[in-house]
Amino acid sequence: MTARALYRAIRQRLTQADKPAFDAACLLEKHVRLRREELPLRGDTPVAEDVCTALWADVERRAAGEPLQYLLGEWEFMGLPFKVGPGVLIPRPETELLVEAAIAYLNVQPPDAAAPRLLELCAGSGCVAISAARATGCEAVCLEYSADALGYLRANIALHGLEDRVRAVEGDMLLPPRGVLSGSFDVLLCNPPYIRTEELPALQAEVRREPVLALDGGPDGLRFYRALCAWVPVLRPGGLLACEVGMGQAEDVARLLEDAGLCNVAVRNDYAGIGRMVRGYRAKADQ
């Protein structure tokens, strides 16, 4: 079978997907190493039977609802590749707001002999901390509870050659340290689970394939934000805290951060106009 015929057959099989043409092109590129824009010129390229078999196995998994990102084994975030698969949250464009906030903050800090330090809680694939570290040269610590996600986190640190500046630590965000990290970090970032428990069964089938540990935010969706407030002391005075929030949660999370003593708390909307990121600063001694 030719690549062009395969592409057409895959599109037809994936008609129930949101973007059948895109999915077909991605799966074809993975197995045949032929990009969609190359089809007009190279579409008559014959595809070996064993390649067709492997490709079609992925097509059937996609038709059954498995996320495209898991089938590809890699996904882009901030223009960079990150390894993903079952057991880790898939990077999403709105989460790039956290990285942008960290970059903007670190780029205006006065020069210091020591490299700035960043802590990411619920790090998952590590896409947030790794992207920030690559862009700013900061050191980063990534805390992650899930053993499955830790595997991807460590693989992504190695993928980007950042073993000397980014460290993966197994730990539970719900158990904040007692004083040992006080004032240790310039930036604290977090994209915690924030979906209300009762809403989980109604999520899209693909989203339900992602780890529930990365989705379930408790009865009101705010469980991890309350825990986040206990981590404020790890920030140095003037340090930045930024977190992603779910739809309709921004005002509640902003109040929690204000009650925890953060100042200049503000909400930033995502590309759809939804309040998606809340940030604030640890007060300085003279404030």
C-alpha atoms as a PDB file:
ATOM      1  CA  MET A   1       0.000   0.000   0.000  1.00  0.00           C
ATOM      2  CA  THR A   2       1.235   3.509  -0.744  1.00  0.00           C
ATOM      3  CA  ALA A   3       1.628   6.253   1.837  1.00  0.00           C
ATOM      4  CA  ARG A   4      -1.125   8.291   0.202  1.00  0.00           C
ATOM      5  CA  ALA A   5      -3.571   5.400   0.281  1.00  0.00           C
ATOM      6  CA  LEU A   6      -2.706   4.736   3.912  1.00  0.00           C
ATOM      7  CA  TYR A   7      -3.283   8.364   4.831  1.00  0.00           C
ATOM      8  CA  ARG A   8      -6.714   8.335   3.215  1.00  0.00           C
ATOM      9  CA  ALA A   9      -7.639   5.061   4.912  1.00  0.00           C
ATOM     10  CA  ILE A  10      -6.553   6.352   8.320  1.00  0.00           C
ATOM     11  CA  ARG A  11      -8.573   9.555   7.911  1.00  0.00           C
ATOM     12  CA  GLN A  12     -11.619   7.476   7.067  1.00  0.00           C
ATOM     13  CA  ARG A  13     -11.097   5.228  10.101  1.00  0.00           C
ATOM     14  CA  LEU A  14     -10.714   8.201  12.448  1.00  0.00           C
ATOM     15  CA  THR A  15     -13.746  10.184  11.310  1.00  0.00           C
ATOM     16  CA  GLN A  16     -15.043  10.215  14.906  1.00  0.00           C
ATOM     17  CA  ALA A  17     -11.908  11.996  16.150  1.00  0.00           C
ATOM     18  CA  ASP A  18     -11.868  15.786  16.527  1.00  0.00           C
ATOM     19  CA  LYS A  19      -9.078  16.186  13.957  1.00  0.00           C
ATOM     20  CA  PRO A  20      -8.897  13.056  11.797  1.00  0.00           C
ATOM     21  CA  ALA A  21      -6.590  14.628   9.188  1.00  0.00           C
ATOM     22  CA  PHE A  22      -4.148  15.843  11.844  1.00  0.00           C
ATOM     23  CA  ASP A  23      -4.193  12.522  13.690  1.00  0.00           C
ATOM     24  CA  ALA A  24      -3.660  10.596  10.461  1.00  0.00           C
ATOM     25  CA  ALA A  25      -0.727  12.817   9.493  1.00  0.00           C
ATOM     26  CA  CYS A  26       0.918  12.441  12.916  1.00  0.00           C
ATOM     27  CA  LEU A  27       0.593   8.661  12.964  1.00  0.00           C
ATOM     28  CA  LEU A  28       1.831   8.399   9.391  1.00  0.00           C
ATOM     29  CA  GLU A  29       4.865  10.518  10.218  1.00  0.00           C
ATOM     30  CA  LYS A  30       5.635   8.380  13.274  1.00  0.00           C
ATOM     31  CA  HIS A  31       5.707   5.105  11.351  1.00  0.00           C
ATOM     32  CA  VAL A  32       6.523   6.073   7.744  1.00  0.00           C
ATOM     33  CA  ARG A  33       8.675   9.153   8.462  1.00  0.00           C
ATOM     34  CA  LEU A  34       6.671  11.083   5.891  1.00  0.00           C
ATOM     35  CA  ARG A  35       5.192  14.461   6.738  1.00  0.00           C
ATOM     36  CA  ARG A  36       1.756  15.457   5.478  1.00  0.00           C
ATOM     37  CA  GLU A  37       3.155  18.219   3.267  1.00  0.00           C
ATOM     38  CA  GLU A  38       5.334  15.624   1.539  1.00  0.00           C
ATOM     39  CA  LEU A  39       2.379  13.487   0.435  1.00  0.00           C
ATOM     40  CA  PRO A  40       1.769  15.279  -2.885  1.00  0.00           C
ATOM     41  CA  LEU A  41       5.327  14.529  -4.020  1.00  0.00           C
ATOM     42  CA  ARG A  42       6.073  11.291  -2.175  1.00  0.00           C
ATOM     43  CA  GLY A  43       2.618   9.836  -1.671  1.00  0.00           C
ATOM     44  CA  ASP A  44       3.350   6.939  -4.035  1.00  0.00           C
ATOM     45  CA  THR A  45       6.064   5.680  -1.691  1.00  0.00           C
ATOM     46  CA  PRO A  46       5.277   2.021  -0.906  1.00  0.00           C
ATOM     47  CA  VAL A  47       4.954   1.135   2.777  1.00  0.00           C
ATOM     48  CA  ALA A  48       6.253  -2.214   3.988  1.00  0.00           C
ATOM     49  CA  GLU A  49       3.734  -4.685   5.356  1.00  0.00           C
ATOM     50  CA  ASP A  50       5.251  -4.777   8.845  1.00  0.00           C
ATOM     51  CA  VAL A  51       5.133  -0.970   8.988  1.00  0.00           C
ATOM     52  CA  CYS A  52       1.501  -0.991   7.896  1.00  0.00           C
ATOM     53  CA  THR A  53       0.694  -3.506  10.619  1.00  0.00           C
ATOM     54  CA  ALA A  54       2.315  -1.423  13.357  1.00  0.00           C
ATOM     55  CA  LEU A  55       0.739   1.771  12.048  1.00  0.00           C
ATOM     56  CA  TRP A  56      -2.723   0.292  11.882  1.00  0.00           C
ATOM     57  CA  ALA A  57      -2.413  -1.010  15.439  1.00  0.00           C
ATOM     58  CA  ASP A  58      -1.915   2.596  16.568  1.00  0.00           C
ATOM     59  CA  VAL A  59      -4.845   3.715  14.406  1.00  0.00           C
ATOM     60  CA  GLU A  60      -7.131   1.236  16.155  1.00  0.00           C
ATOM     61  CA  ARG A  61      -5.917   2.380  19.557  1.00  0.00           C
ATOM     62  CA  ARG A  62      -6.613   5.970  18.536  1.00  0.00           C
ATOM     63  CA  ALA A  63     -10.079   5.026  17.277  1.00  0.00           C
ATOM     64  CA  ALA A  64     -10.704   3.442  20.692  1.00  0.00           C
ATOM     65  CA  GLY A  65      -9.980   6.748  22.418  1.00  0.00           C
ATOM     66  CA  GLU A  66      -6.322   6.533  23.396  1.00  0.00           C
ATOM     67  CA  PRO A  67      -4.759  10.025  23.371  1.00  0.00           C
ATOM     68  CA  LEU A  68      -2.741  10.800  20.268  1.00  0.00           C
ATOM     69  CA  GLN A  69       0.052  12.144  22.474  1.00  0.00           C
ATOM     70  CA  TYR A  70       0.456   8.775  24.195  1.00  0.00           C
ATOM     71  CA  LEU A  71       0.612   6.971  20.843  1.00  0.00           C
ATOM     72  CA  LEU A  72       3.281   9.349  19.576  1.00  0.00           C
ATOM     73  CA  GLY A  73       5.233   9.109  22.830  1.00  0.00           C
ATOM     74  CA  GLU A  74       6.220  12.767  22.640  1.00  0.00           C
ATOM     75  CA  TRP A  75       4.486  16.138  22.598  1.00  0.00           C
ATOM     76  CA  GLU A  76       5.537  19.748  22.128  1.00  0.00           C
ATOM     77  CA  PHE A  77       5.445  22.378  24.860  1.00  0.00           C
ATOM     78  CA  MET A  78       6.984  25.848  24.542  1.00  0.00           C
ATOM     79  CA  GLY A  79       8.398  24.684  21.217  1.00  0.00           C
ATOM     80  CA  LEU A  80      10.281  21.830  22.889  1.00  0.00           C
ATOM     81  CA  PRO A  81       9.729  18.049  22.758  1.00  0.00           C
ATOM     82  CA  PHE A  82       8.694  16.148  25.890  1.00  0.00           C
ATOM     83  CA  LYS A  83       8.283  12.423  26.370  1.00  0.00           C
ATOM     84  CA  VAL A  84       4.763  11.468  27.462  1.00  0.00           C
ATOM     85  CA  GLY A  85       2.715   8.310  27.813  1.00  0.00           C
ATOM     86  CA  PRO A  86       0.235   6.528  30.083  1.00  0.00           C
ATOM     87  CA  GLY A  87       0.702   7.678  33.667  1.00  0.00           C
ATOM     88  CA  VAL A  88       1.611  11.322  33.055  1.00  0.00           C
ATOM     89  CA  LEU A  89      -0.454  14.419  32.325  1.00  0.00           C
ATOM     90  CA  ILE A  90      -0.284  15.618  28.721  1.00  0.00           C
ATOM     91  CA  PRO A  91       1.262  19.122  28.358  1.00  0.00           C
ATOM     92  CA  ARG A  92      -1.261  21.749  27.268  1.00  0.00           C
ATOM     93  CA  PRO A  93      -0.811  25.228  25.767  1.00  0.00           C
ATOM     94  CA  GLU A  94      -2.490  27.077  28.651  1.00  0.00           C
ATOM     95  CA  THR A  95       0.158  25.760  31.050  1.00  0.00           C
ATOM     96  CA  GLU A  96       2.748  27.750  29.105  1.00  0.00           C
ATOM     97  CA  LEU A  97       1.452  30.780  31.040  1.00  0.00           C
ATOM     98  CA  LEU A  98       3.340  29.484  34.090  1.00  0.00           C
ATOM     99  CA  VAL A  99       6.606  29.372  32.170  1.00  0.00           C
ATOM    100  CA  GLU A 100       6.026  32.819  30.718  1.00  0.00           C
ATOM    101  CA  ALA A 101       5.437  34.205  34.221  1.00  0.00           C
ATOM    102  CA  ALA A 102       8.659  32.640  35.513  1.00  0.00           C
ATOM    103  CA  ILE A 103      10.697  33.917  32.563  1.00  0.00           C
ATOM    104  CA  ALA A 104       9.316  37.447  32.875  1.00  0.00           C
ATOM    105  CA  TYR A 105      10.054  37.491  36.611  1.00  0.00           C
ATOM    106  CA  LEU A 106      13.568  36.019  36.438  1.00  0.00           C
ATOM    107  CA  ASN A 107      14.639  38.195  33.529  1.00  0.00           C
ATOM    108  CA  VAL A 108      14.199  41.389  35.542  1.00  0.00           C
ATOM    109  CA  GLN A 109      15.897  40.236  38.737  1.00  0.00           C
ATOM    110  CA  PRO A 110      19.192  41.930  39.653  1.00  0.00           C
ATOM    111  CA  PRO A 111      22.343  39.918  38.861  1.00  0.00           C
ATOM    112  CA  ASP A 112      23.417  37.627  41.658  1.00  0.00           C
ATOM    113  CA  ALA A 113      26.404  35.357  42.198  1.00  0.00           C
ATOM    114  CA  ALA A 114      24.114  32.380  42.674  1.00  0.00           C
ATOM    115  CA  ALA A 115      21.796  31.096  39.954  1.00  0.00           C
ATOM    116  CA  PRO A 116      18.102  31.687  40.673  1.00  0.00           C
ATOM    117  CA  ARG A 117      16.228  28.655  41.969  1.00  0.00           C
ATOM    118  CA  LEU A 118      12.807  27.391  40.939  1.00  0.00           C
ATOM    119  CA  LEU A 119      10.572  24.800  42.581  1.00  0.00           C
ATOM    120  CA  GLU A 120       7.794  23.052  40.660  1.00  0.00           C
ATOM    121  CA  LEU A 121       5.182  21.080  42.580  1.00  0.00           C
ATOM    122  CA  CYS A 122       3.141  18.334  40.871  1.00  0.00           C
ATOM    123  CA  ALA A 123       5.795  18.434  38.165  1.00  0.00           C
ATOM    124  CA  GLY A 124       4.497  15.552  36.006  1.00  0.00           C
ATOM    125  CA  SER A 125       6.504  15.448  32.777  1.00  0.00           C
ATOM    126  CA  GLY A 126       8.626  18.365  33.986  1.00  0.00           C
ATOM    127  CA  CYS A 127       7.710  20.472  30.970  1.00  0.00           C
ATOM    128  CA  VAL A 128       7.209  23.620  33.063  1.00  0.00           C
ATOM    129  CA  ALA A 129      10.436  23.569  35.061  1.00  0.00           C
ATOM    130  CA  ILE A 130      12.548  22.292  32.182  1.00  0.00           C
ATOM    131  CA  SER A 131      11.258  24.975  29.813  1.00  0.00           C
ATOM    132  CA  ALA A 132      11.916  27.681  32.393  1.00  0.00           C
ATOM    133  CA  ALA A 133      15.391  26.324  33.115  1.00  0.00           C
ATOM    134  CA  ARG A 134      16.299  26.275  29.428  1.00  0.00           C
ATOM    135  CA  ALA A 135      15.044  29.821  28.922  1.00  0.00           C
ATOM    136  CA  THR A 136      16.602  31.442  32.004  1.00  0.00           C
ATOM    137  CA  GLY A 137      19.505  29.307  33.164  1.00  0.00           C
ATOM    138  CA  CYS A 138      17.892  28.819  36.585  1.00  0.00           C
ATOM    139  CA  GLU A 139      18.287  25.741  38.734  1.00  0.00           C
ATOM    140  CA  ALA A 140      15.105  23.767  39.364  1.00  0.00           C
ATOM    141  CA  VAL A 141      13.718  21.150  41.727  1.00  0.00           C
ATOM    142  CA  CYS A 142      10.727  19.142  40.492  1.00  0.00           C
ATOM    143  CA  LEU A 143       8.547  17.449  43.103  1.00  0.00           C
ATOM    144  CA  GLU A 144       6.356  14.581  41.854  1.00  0.00           C
ATOM    145  CA  TYR A 145       4.390  11.942  43.744  1.00  0.00           C
ATOM    146  CA  SER A 146       3.573   9.431  40.989  1.00  0.00           C
ATOM    147  CA  ALA A 147       6.190   6.795  40.206  1.00  0.00           C
ATOM    148  CA  ASP A 148       4.960   6.613  36.604  1.00  0.00           C
ATOM    149  CA  ALA A 149       5.227  10.369  36.099  1.00  0.00           C
ATOM    150  CA  LEU A 150       8.671  10.404  37.726  1.00  0.00           C
ATOM    151  CA  GLY A 151       9.927   8.112  34.997  1.00  0.00           C
ATOM    152  CA  TYR A 152       8.906  10.610  32.310  1.00  0.00           C
ATOM    153  CA  LEU A 153      10.221  13.517  34.382  1.00  0.00           C
ATOM    154  CA  ARG A 154      13.677  11.979  34.660  1.00  0.00           C
ATOM    155  CA  ALA A 155      13.667  11.008  30.987  1.00  0.00           C
ATOM    156  CA  ASN A 156      12.820  14.583  29.985  1.00  0.00           C
ATOM    157  CA  ILE A 157      15.538  16.057  32.171  1.00  0.00           C
ATOM    158  CA  ALA A 158      17.999  13.781  30.386  1.00  0.00           C
ATOM    159  CA  LEU A 159      16.452  14.517  26.969  1.00  0.00           C
ATOM    160  CA  HIS A 160      17.240  18.202  27.430  1.00  0.00           C
ATOM    161  CA  GLY A 161      20.662  17.620  28.964  1.00  0.00           C
ATOM    162  CA  LEU A 162      19.775  19.378  32.221  1.00  0.00           C
ATOM    163  CA  GLU A 163      20.900  16.811  34.790  1.00  0.00           C
ATOM    164  CA  ASP A 164      23.262  19.393  36.277  1.00  0.00           C
ATOM    165  CA  ARG A 165      20.540  22.027  36.848  1.00  0.00           C
ATOM    166  CA  VAL A 166      17.184  20.252  37.157  1.00  0.00           C
ATOM    167  CA  ARG A 167      16.548  17.640  39.851  1.00  0.00           C
ATOM    168  CA  ALA A 168      13.597  15.270  40.174  1.00  0.00           C
ATOM    169  CA  VAL A 169      12.449  14.571  43.722  1.00  0.00           C
ATOM    170  CA  GLU A 170       9.829  12.030  44.746  1.00  0.00           C
ATOM    171  CA  GLY A 171       7.447  13.629  47.218  1.00  0.00           C
ATOM    172  CA  ASP A 172       3.904  14.615  48.099  1.00  0.00           C
ATOM    173  CA  MET A 173       2.771  18.207  47.650  1.00  0.00           C
ATOM    174  CA  LEU A 174       0.198  17.623  50.381  1.00  0.00           C
ATOM    175  CA  LEU A 175       3.038  17.174  52.900  1.00  0.00           C
ATOM    176  CA  PRO A 176       4.919  20.504  52.840  1.00  0.00           C
ATOM    177  CA  PRO A 177       8.346  20.683  54.516  1.00  0.00           C
ATOM    178  CA  ARG A 178       8.716  22.152  57.981  1.00  0.00           C
ATOM    179  CA  GLY A 179      11.147  25.020  57.715  1.00  0.00           C
ATOM    180  CA  VAL A 180      14.050  23.184  56.088  1.00  0.00           C
ATOM    181  CA  LEU A 181      13.535  24.972  52.751  1.00  0.00           C
ATOM    182  CA  SER A 182      12.611  28.378  54.125  1.00  0.00           C
ATOM    183  CA  GLY A 183      13.573  31.140  51.707  1.00  0.00           C
ATOM    184  CA  SER A 184      15.257  28.709  49.337  1.00  0.00           C
ATOM    185  CA  PHE A 185      13.529  29.510  46.028  1.00  0.00           C
ATOM    186  CA  ASP A 186      12.969  32.529  43.842  1.00  0.00           C
ATOM    187  CA  VAL A 187      10.007  31.003  41.997  1.00  0.00           C
ATOM    188  CA  LEU A 188       7.351  28.452  42.967  1.00  0.00           C
ATOM    189  CA  LEU A 189       5.210  27.036  40.130  1.00  0.00           C
ATOM    190  CA  CYS A 190       2.371  24.540  40.314  1.00  0.00           C
ATOM    191  CA  ASN A 191      -0.214  23.020  37.978  1.00  0.00           C
ATOM    192  CA  PRO A 192      -2.058  20.850  40.498  1.00  0.00           C
ATOM    193  CA  PRO A 193      -5.078  18.568  40.081  1.00  0.00           C
ATOM    194  CA  TYR A 194      -8.085  20.914  40.074  1.00  0.00           C
ATOM    195  CA  ILE A 195     -11.099  19.036  38.720  1.00  0.00           C
ATOM    196  CA  ARG A 196     -13.864  18.403  41.240  1.00  0.00           C
ATOM    197  CA  THR A 197     -14.176  14.708  42.042  1.00  0.00           C
ATOM    198  CA  GLU A 198     -17.815  14.551  40.988  1.00  0.00           C
ATOM    199  CA  GLU A 199     -16.922  15.960  37.555  1.00  0.00           C
ATOM    200  CA  LEU A 200     -14.374  13.271  36.668  1.00  0.00           C
ATOM    201  CA  PRO A 201     -16.884  10.795  35.117  1.00  0.00           C
ATOM    202  CA  ALA A 202     -18.153  13.521  32.758  1.00  0.00           C
ATOM    203  CA  LEU A 203     -14.737  14.361  31.314  1.00  0.00           C
ATOM    204  CA  GLN A 204     -13.965  13.577  27.687  1.00  0.00           C
ATOM    205  CA  ALA A 205     -13.053   9.938  27.158  1.00  0.00           C
ATOM    206  CA  GLU A 206      -9.513  10.879  26.175  1.00  0.00           C
ATOM    207  CA  VAL A 207      -8.979  12.970  29.305  1.00  0.00           C
ATOM    208  CA  ARG A 208     -10.168  10.055  31.438  1.00  0.00           C
ATOM    209  CA  ARG A 209      -7.216   8.079  30.033  1.00  0.00           C
ATOM    210  CA  GLU A 210      -4.865  10.484  31.829  1.00  0.00           C
ATOM    211  CA  PRO A 211      -3.884   9.676  35.431  1.00  0.00           C
ATOM    212  CA  VAL A 212      -6.613  10.461  37.955  1.00  0.00           C
ATOM    213  CA  LEU A 213      -3.876  11.542  40.382  1.00  0.00           C
ATOM    214  CA  ALA A 214      -3.196  14.482  38.067  1.00  0.00           C
ATOM    215  CA  LEU A 215      -6.867  15.413  37.694  1.00  0.00           C
ATOM    216  CA  ASP A 216      -8.762  14.932  40.963  1.00  0.00           C
ATOM    217  CA  GLY A 217      -8.715  18.135  43.003  1.00  0.00           C
ATOM    218  CA  GLY A 218     -11.077  16.908  45.713  1.00  0.00           C
ATOM    219  CA  PRO A 219     -14.751  17.685  46.370  1.00  0.00           C
ATOM    220  CA  ASP A 220     -14.466  21.395  45.509  1.00  0.00           C
ATOM    221  CA  GLY A 221     -11.372  21.220  43.288  1.00  0.00           C
ATOM    222  CA  LEU A 222      -9.368  23.357  45.707  1.00  0.00           C
ATOM    223  CA  ARG A 223      -7.667  20.726  47.863  1.00  0.00           C
ATOM    224  CA  PHE A 224      -4.211  21.252  46.383  1.00  0.00           C
ATOM    225  CA  TYR A 225      -4.439  25.052  46.437  1.00  0.00           C
ATOM    226  CA  ARG A 226      -4.986  24.962  50.200  1.00  0.00           C
ATOM    227  CA  ALA A 227      -1.899  22.785  50.475  1.00  0.00           C
ATOM    228  CA  LEU A 228       0.004  25.144  48.177  1.00  0.00           C
ATOM    229  CA  CYS A 229      -0.441  27.960  50.671  1.00  0.00           C
ATOM    230  CA  ALA A 230       1.642  26.008  53.186  1.00  0.00           C
ATOM    231  CA  TRP A 231       4.579  26.100  50.737  1.00  0.00           C
ATOM    232  CA  VAL A 232       4.789  29.914  50.668  1.00  0.00           C
ATOM    233  CA  PRO A 233       7.641  29.975  53.241  1.00  0.00           C
ATOM    234  CA  VAL A 234       9.979  28.218  50.777  1.00  0.00           C
ATOM    235  CA  LEU A 235       9.977  31.430  48.723  1.00  0.00           C
ATOM    236  CA  ARG A 236      12.495  34.125  49.454  1.00  0.00           C
ATOM    237  CA  PRO A 237      10.987  37.566  50.210  1.00  0.00           C
ATOM    238  CA  GLY A 238       9.766  39.034  46.947  1.00  0.00           C
ATOM    239  CA  GLY A 239       9.673  35.592  45.315  1.00  0.00           C
ATOM    240  CA  LEU A 240       7.023  34.652  42.755  1.00  0.00           C
ATOM    241  CA  LEU A 241       4.312  32.029  43.178  1.00  0.00           C
ATOM    242  CA  ALA A 242       2.221  31.140  40.114  1.00  0.00           C
ATOM    243  CA  CYS A 243      -0.318  28.360  39.674  1.00  0.00           C
ATOM    244  CA  GLU A 244      -2.704  27.157  36.997  1.00  0.00           C
ATOM    245  CA  VAL A 245      -6.390  27.000  37.926  1.00  0.00           C
ATOM    246  CA  GLY A 246      -9.531  25.487  36.465  1.00  0.00           C
ATOM    247  CA  MET A 247     -12.433  27.367  34.945  1.00  0.00           C
ATOM    248  CA  GLY A 248     -14.211  29.465  37.560  1.00  0.00           C
ATOM    249  CA  GLN A 249     -11.580  28.899  40.274  1.00  0.00           C
ATOM    250  CA  ALA A 250      -9.403  31.983  39.845  1.00  0.00           C
ATOM    251  CA  GLU A 251     -11.147  34.222  42.403  1.00  0.00           C
ATOM    252  CA  ASP A 252     -11.240  31.499  45.071  1.00  0.00           C
ATOM    253  CA  VAL A 253      -7.572  30.670  44.578  1.00  0.00           C
ATOM    254  CA  ALA A 254      -6.624  34.356  44.602  1.00  0.00           C
ATOM    255  CA  ARG A 255      -8.315  34.742  47.994  1.00  0.00           C
ATOM    256  CA  LEU A 256      -6.478  31.696  49.341  1.00  0.00           C
ATOM    257  CA  LEU A 257      -3.131  33.152  48.260  1.00  0.00           C
ATOM    258  CA  GLU A 258      -3.954  36.551  49.750  1.00  0.00           C
ATOM    259  CA  ASP A 259      -4.941  34.892  53.015  1.00  0.00           C
ATOM    260  CA  ALA A 260      -1.580  33.085  52.951  1.00  0.00           C
ATOM    261  CA  GLY A 261       0.157  36.465  52.930  1.00  0.00           C
ATOM    262  CA  LEU A 262       1.021  36.905  49.275  1.00  0.00           C
ATOM    263  CA  CYS A 263       0.858  40.418  47.879  1.00  0.00           C
ATOM    264  CA  ASN A 264      -0.002  41.848  44.452  1.00  0.00           C
ATOM    265  CA  VAL A 265      -2.097  38.770  43.692  1.00  0.00           C
ATOM    266  CA  ALA A 266      -3.461  38.854  40.138  1.00  0.00           C
ATOM    267  CA  VAL A 267      -5.225  36.641  37.602  1.00  0.00           C
ATOM    268  CA  ARG A 268      -4.149  36.152  33.990  1.00  0.00           C
ATOM    269  CA  ASN A 269      -6.528  34.860  31.344  1.00  0.00           C
ATOM    270  CA  ASP A 270      -5.641  32.127  28.888  1.00  0.00           C
ATOM    271  CA  TYR A 271      -6.047  32.340  25.113  1.00  0.00           C
ATOM    272  CA  ALA A 272      -9.776  31.627  25.434  1.00  0.00           C
ATOM    273  CA  GLY A 273     -10.307  34.486  27.888  1.00  0.00           C
ATOM    274  CA  ILE A 274     -10.646  32.165  30.912  1.00  0.00           C
ATOM    275  CA  GLY A 275      -8.923  33.049  34.193  1.00  0.00           C
ATOM    276  CA  ARG A 276      -6.200  30.395  34.055  1.00  0.00           C
ATOM    277  CA  MET A 277      -3.229  31.546  36.121  1.00  0.00           C
ATOM    278  CA  VAL A 278      -3.054  33.162  39.544  1.00  0.00           C
ATOM    279  CA  ARG A 279       0.198  34.701  40.713  1.00  0.00           C
ATOM    280  CA  GLY A 280       1.433  36.601  43.729  1.00  0.00           C
ATOM    281  CA  TYR A 281       4.619  37.491  45.589  1.00  0.00           C
ATOM    282  CA  ARG A 282       5.908  36.731  49.035  1.00  0.00           C
ATOM    283  CA  ALA A 283       5.917  39.977  50.963  1.00  0.00           C
ATOM    284  CA  LYS A 284       9.255  41.622  51.684  1.00  0.00           C
ATOM    285  CA  ALA A 285      10.193  42.663  55.188  1.00  0.00           C
ATOM    286  CA  ASP A 286       9.379  46.312  54.521  1.00  0.00           C
ATOM    287  CA  GLN A 287       5.915  45.602  53.098  1.00  0.00           C
END
